[in-house]
Amino acid sequence: MSNTTVDTHTWVAFGPAGAIGSISAADGGFAFRLMGDSAPRGAYPTLAVAKSALYAALVPGSDWPEFKEH
């Protein structure tokens, strides 16, 4: 048996109607998915940049989502 620990961090983005996407730590940065995406979008150097990219992928006029770490 192995005592390997996987250390992943995920932030879920919430809008007025509920969860709209997530950001996960990836090799050397962060990647995001909107609900319904089959694959992560891009690789971003910082969490702040990934949050901005997720927001930019939303419908124009959307409110800034609330991000909660899970």
Protein backbone atom coordinates (compact mmCIF):
# COMPACT_ATOMS: atom_id res chain seq x y z
CA MET A 1 0.00 0.00 0.00
CA SER A 2 1.19 3.48 -0.81
CA ASN A 3 0.95 6.55 1.38
CA THR A 4 0.82 8.94 -1.56
CA THR A 5 -1.21 12.10 -1.07
CA VAL A 6 -2.71 13.96 -3.99
CA ASP A 7 -2.88 17.67 -3.24
CA THR A 8 -5.33 19.35 -5.58
CA HIS A 9 -7.07 22.64 -5.13
CA THR A 10 -10.36 23.55 -6.76
CA TRP A 11 -12.37 26.75 -6.63
CA VAL A 12 -16.03 26.64 -7.67
CA ALA A 13 -17.48 29.75 -9.32
CA PHE A 14 -21.05 30.60 -8.31
CA GLY A 15 -23.43 32.98 -10.04
CA PRO A 16 -27.00 33.96 -9.12
CA ALA A 17 -28.40 30.62 -10.37
CA GLY A 18 -25.74 28.37 -8.80
CA ALA A 19 -22.44 26.85 -9.90
CA ILE A 20 -21.21 28.10 -13.27
CA GLY A 21 -17.71 26.65 -13.44
CA SER A 22 -14.55 25.71 -11.61
CA ILE A 23 -10.84 26.42 -11.50
CA SER A 24 -8.30 23.72 -10.67
CA ALA A 25 -4.62 23.88 -9.93
CA ALA A 26 -2.75 22.37 -12.88
CA ASP A 27 0.91 21.74 -13.66
CA GLY A 28 2.55 25.13 -13.36
CA GLY A 29 -0.67 27.10 -13.09
CA PHE A 30 -4.46 26.94 -13.21
CA ALA A 31 -7.14 25.82 -15.67
CA PHE A 32 -10.88 26.48 -15.69
CA ARG A 33 -14.02 24.78 -16.95
CA LEU A 34 -17.48 26.18 -17.35
CA MET A 35 -20.34 23.81 -16.54
CA GLY A 36 -20.80 21.57 -19.55
CA ASP A 37 -17.20 21.82 -20.77
CA SER A 38 -15.65 18.44 -21.52
CA ALA A 39 -12.07 19.67 -21.14
CA PRO A 40 -10.27 22.43 -19.22
CA ARG A 41 -9.75 25.75 -20.96
CA GLY A 42 -6.18 27.01 -21.13
CA ALA A 43 -3.39 27.16 -18.63
CA TYR A 44 -3.02 30.36 -16.64
CA PRO A 45 -0.04 31.38 -14.50
CA THR A 46 -1.99 32.60 -11.46
CA LEU A 47 -5.35 32.05 -9.81
CA ALA A 48 -6.26 35.71 -10.40
CA VAL A 49 -5.64 35.38 -14.15
CA ALA A 50 -7.69 32.15 -14.29
CA LYS A 51 -10.58 33.88 -12.47
CA SER A 52 -10.45 36.73 -14.99
CA ALA A 53 -10.40 34.28 -17.91
CA LEU A 54 -13.40 32.39 -16.52
CA TYR A 55 -15.28 35.66 -16.10
CA ALA A 56 -14.37 36.72 -19.66
CA ALA A 57 -15.89 33.46 -20.96
CA LEU A 58 -19.28 34.28 -19.42
CA VAL A 59 -22.13 36.00 -21.23
CA PRO A 60 -21.41 39.75 -21.53
CA GLY A 61 -22.99 41.68 -18.67
CA SER A 62 -22.68 38.79 -16.21
CA ASP A 63 -21.89 39.66 -12.60
CA TRP A 64 -18.48 38.70 -11.21
CA PRO A 65 -18.91 35.19 -9.75
CA GLU A 66 -18.23 34.25 -6.15
CA PHE A 67 -15.33 31.80 -5.89
CA LYS A 68 -15.27 29.24 -3.08
CA GLU A 69 -12.33 26.92 -2.47
CA HIS A 70 -13.18 23.22 -2.17
